[in-house]
Amino acid sequence: MKITLNHVPHLATKVAVDLNKSGLVMMTSGLERVALEAQKIIEKSVKKEIALEARVNAIVSDNEAEIDFYLADERQLFFMIKKKLADEYGVILSYEDRYSDLAHQILDALYEEDLINYDVSENRIKNVIFDSMTGYIADNAQIEQAVAERLRSYKRQLIPGTDEYEIMHEKLYKEELTRRGMA
């Protein structure tokens, strides 16, 4: 699953909570600082992908006439162009490789900023961060489904895309994360 900017704070919090629960690290400045540092790194990665996709969309739009003329599959063409430009934007397309790279970056930043201390191998801590991210991604579909069911159960129907809907969705999403021990 692709991480969106809306997921970043929740994912960063889960990383911090899981690191704290692991017992492998001692947080020197608290959970919030660890989550904030992780959030910066994850957000930077997501913004790179957004920039890459904006560029790919521009290329596809600029060449729409040729795409239609040759009856090319626009979706397939999008991913081919994205693959070609990924290195230029510093985006790793394989999610497993990307999460592994993010885990390394987060661990390095936490250590350099003196936010954590540990006596175990870096690999064990990196694995906690990686597992935290992949666990969040796996749980996200279930969380979204639970939130959608709760929104549908309201007597007054909320319209998706409205400010009221988005506020309630975010509130219920946070509640569901807390209920599952992920926040």
Protein backbone atom coordinates (compact mmCIF):
# COMPACT_ATOMS: atom_id res chain seq x y z
CA MET A 1 0.00 0.00 0.00
CA LYS A 2 1.11 3.48 -0.79
CA ILE A 3 1.63 5.80 2.17
CA THR A 4 -0.21 9.13 1.90
CA LEU A 5 0.54 12.34 3.76
CA ASN A 6 -2.52 11.67 5.94
CA HIS A 7 -0.97 8.40 7.14
CA VAL A 8 2.44 9.85 8.00
CA PRO A 9 1.72 11.12 11.56
CA HIS A 10 -0.02 7.87 12.50
CA LEU A 11 2.74 5.74 11.01
CA ALA A 12 5.44 7.78 12.78
CA THR A 13 3.60 7.44 16.09
CA LYS A 14 3.33 3.68 15.60
CA VAL A 15 7.08 3.49 14.95
CA ALA A 16 7.78 5.40 18.17
CA VAL A 17 5.33 3.32 20.20
CA ASP A 18 6.70 0.03 18.85
CA LEU A 19 10.29 1.10 19.54
CA ASN A 20 9.30 1.97 23.09
CA LYS A 21 7.44 -1.33 23.57
CA SER A 22 10.33 -3.36 22.12
CA GLY A 23 12.48 -2.88 25.21
CA LEU A 24 15.53 -2.65 22.95
CA VAL A 25 15.95 1.11 23.15
CA MET A 26 15.88 3.81 25.79
CA MET A 27 14.30 7.04 24.63
CA THR A 28 16.26 10.03 25.88
CA SER A 29 13.77 12.76 24.96
CA GLY A 30 10.43 11.01 25.02
CA LEU A 31 8.05 9.36 22.62
CA GLU A 32 6.89 12.57 20.91
CA ARG A 33 10.38 13.60 19.79
CA VAL A 34 11.03 10.14 18.34
CA ALA A 35 7.69 10.24 16.51
CA LEU A 36 8.41 13.74 15.19
CA GLU A 37 11.81 12.71 13.83
CA ALA A 38 10.32 9.62 12.16
CA GLN A 39 7.52 11.77 10.75
CA LYS A 40 10.00 14.16 9.10
CA ILE A 41 11.78 11.30 7.34
CA ILE A 42 8.64 9.50 6.21
CA GLU A 43 7.02 12.75 5.06
CA LYS A 44 10.09 13.63 2.98
CA SER A 45 9.87 10.24 1.25
CA VAL A 46 6.15 10.62 0.55
CA LYS A 47 6.67 14.12 -0.87
CA LYS A 48 9.37 12.80 -3.21
CA GLU A 49 6.91 10.26 -4.58
CA ILE A 50 4.23 12.92 -4.95
CA ALA A 51 6.66 15.10 -6.93
CA LEU A 52 7.61 12.13 -9.11
CA GLU A 53 3.98 11.30 -9.84
CA ALA A 54 3.20 14.94 -10.64
CA ARG A 55 6.03 14.96 -13.19
CA VAL A 56 4.85 11.65 -14.70
CA ASN A 57 1.28 12.98 -14.94
CA ALA A 58 2.58 16.08 -16.71
CA ILE A 59 4.48 13.95 -19.22
CA VAL A 60 1.42 11.77 -19.84
CA SER A 61 -0.80 14.86 -20.27
CA ASP A 62 1.67 16.49 -22.66
CA ASN A 63 1.66 13.38 -24.83
CA GLU A 64 -2.04 12.54 -24.65
CA ALA A 65 -2.56 12.86 -28.40
CA GLU A 66 0.19 10.34 -29.17
CA ILE A 67 -1.08 7.99 -26.46
CA ASP A 68 -4.56 8.07 -27.96
CA PHE A 69 -3.22 7.68 -31.50
CA TYR A 70 -1.20 4.58 -30.64
CA LEU A 71 -3.96 3.23 -28.35
CA ALA A 72 -1.39 2.87 -25.57
CA ASP A 73 -2.45 1.76 -22.11
CA GLU A 74 -2.18 5.01 -20.14
CA ARG A 75 -1.86 3.27 -16.77
CA GLN A 76 0.93 1.00 -17.97
CA LEU A 77 2.66 3.96 -19.60
CA PHE A 78 2.39 5.89 -16.32
CA PHE A 79 4.20 3.15 -14.41
CA MET A 80 6.86 2.76 -17.11
CA ILE A 81 7.64 6.48 -16.98
CA LYS A 82 7.55 6.43 -13.18
CA LYS A 83 10.05 3.56 -13.16
CA LYS A 84 12.31 5.45 -15.57
CA LEU A 85 12.31 8.67 -13.50
CA ALA A 86 12.35 7.09 -10.00
CA ASP A 87 16.14 7.29 -9.56
CA GLU A 88 16.17 10.93 -10.60
CA TYR A 89 13.69 11.72 -7.81
CA GLY A 90 15.31 9.38 -5.28
CA VAL A 91 12.22 7.17 -5.00
CA ILE A 92 12.51 3.45 -4.38
CA LEU A 93 9.57 1.76 -6.09
CA SER A 94 9.67 -1.59 -4.30
CA TYR A 95 7.70 -1.03 -1.10
CA GLU A 96 9.71 -3.60 0.84
CA ASP A 97 12.99 -1.95 -0.20
CA ARG A 98 11.54 1.51 0.51
CA TYR A 99 10.42 0.57 4.02
CA SER A 100 13.81 -1.01 4.70
CA ASP A 101 15.54 2.17 3.52
CA LEU A 102 13.21 4.32 5.64
CA ALA A 103 13.92 2.12 8.66
CA HIS A 104 17.66 2.73 8.17
CA GLN A 105 17.13 6.48 7.76
CA ILE A 106 14.93 6.68 10.85
CA LEU A 107 17.38 4.68 12.95
CA ASP A 108 20.30 6.85 11.80
CA ALA A 109 18.41 10.08 12.51
CA LEU A 110 17.28 8.92 15.96
CA TYR A 111 20.83 7.96 16.86
CA GLU A 112 22.40 11.14 15.44
CA GLU A 113 19.87 13.35 17.24
CA ASP A 114 20.58 11.36 20.45
CA LEU A 115 16.91 10.47 20.82
CA ILE A 116 17.57 6.80 21.55
CA ASN A 117 20.26 4.68 23.17
CA TYR A 118 20.63 0.95 22.67
CA ASP A 119 22.94 -1.95 23.45
CA VAL A 120 21.79 -4.36 20.74
CA SER A 121 22.66 -4.58 17.07
CA GLU A 122 21.36 -1.88 14.78
CA ASN A 123 19.75 -4.59 12.67
CA ARG A 124 17.40 -5.60 15.50
CA ILE A 125 16.22 -2.04 15.95
CA LYS A 126 15.91 -1.51 12.20
CA ASN A 127 13.76 -4.64 12.09
CA VAL A 128 11.47 -3.24 14.80
CA ILE A 129 11.02 -0.07 12.74
CA PHE A 130 10.49 -2.05 9.51
CA ASP A 131 7.99 -4.40 11.18
CA SER A 132 6.18 -1.42 12.66
CA MET A 133 5.75 0.18 9.23
CA THR A 134 4.68 -3.01 7.48
CA GLY A 135 2.35 -3.84 10.38
CA TYR A 136 0.72 -0.42 10.11
CA ILE A 137 0.24 -0.88 6.38
CA ALA A 138 -1.30 -4.32 6.89
CA ASP A 139 -3.64 -3.08 9.64
CA ASN A 140 -4.65 0.06 7.75
CA ALA A 141 -7.24 -1.67 5.55
CA GLN A 142 -8.98 -3.10 8.61
CA ILE A 143 -8.88 0.27 10.37
CA GLU A 144 -10.32 2.06 7.33
CA GLN A 145 -13.12 -0.51 7.14
CA ALA A 146 -13.96 -0.09 10.83
CA VAL A 147 -14.01 3.70 10.47
CA ALA A 148 -16.22 3.49 7.37
CA GLU A 149 -18.69 1.24 9.21
CA ARG A 150 -18.86 3.65 12.13
CA LEU A 151 -19.42 6.59 9.77
CA ARG A 152 -22.23 4.70 8.02
CA SER A 153 -23.87 3.92 11.35
CA TYR A 154 -24.50 7.60 12.10
CA LYS A 155 -28.13 8.68 11.82
CA ARG A 156 -27.12 11.79 9.90
CA GLN A 157 -25.31 10.74 6.73
CA LEU A 158 -21.99 12.50 6.20
CA ILE A 159 -20.95 13.19 2.62
CA PRO A 160 -17.45 11.98 1.74
CA GLY A 161 -15.13 14.84 0.81
CA THR A 162 -16.82 17.44 2.99
CA ASP A 163 -14.96 19.08 5.85
CA GLU A 164 -17.34 17.54 8.39
CA TYR A 165 -16.74 14.05 6.96
CA GLU A 166 -12.96 14.51 6.96
CA ILE A 167 -12.95 15.76 10.57
CA MET A 168 -15.08 12.84 11.76
CA HIS A 169 -13.01 10.37 9.72
CA GLU A 170 -9.79 11.62 11.28
CA LYS A 171 -11.29 11.55 14.79
CA LEU A 172 -12.59 8.00 14.36
CA TYR A 173 -9.32 6.91 12.74
CA LYS A 174 -7.36 8.13 15.76
CA GLU A 175 -9.79 6.42 18.11
CA GLU A 176 -9.42 3.15 16.22
CA LEU A 177 -5.62 3.42 16.32
CA THR A 178 -5.77 4.02 20.08
CA ARG A 179 -8.19 1.12 20.56
CA ARG A 180 -5.74 -1.16 18.73
CA GLY A 181 -2.76 0.14 20.73
CA MET A 182 -1.14 1.75 17.72
CA ALA A 183 -1.17 5.34 18.99
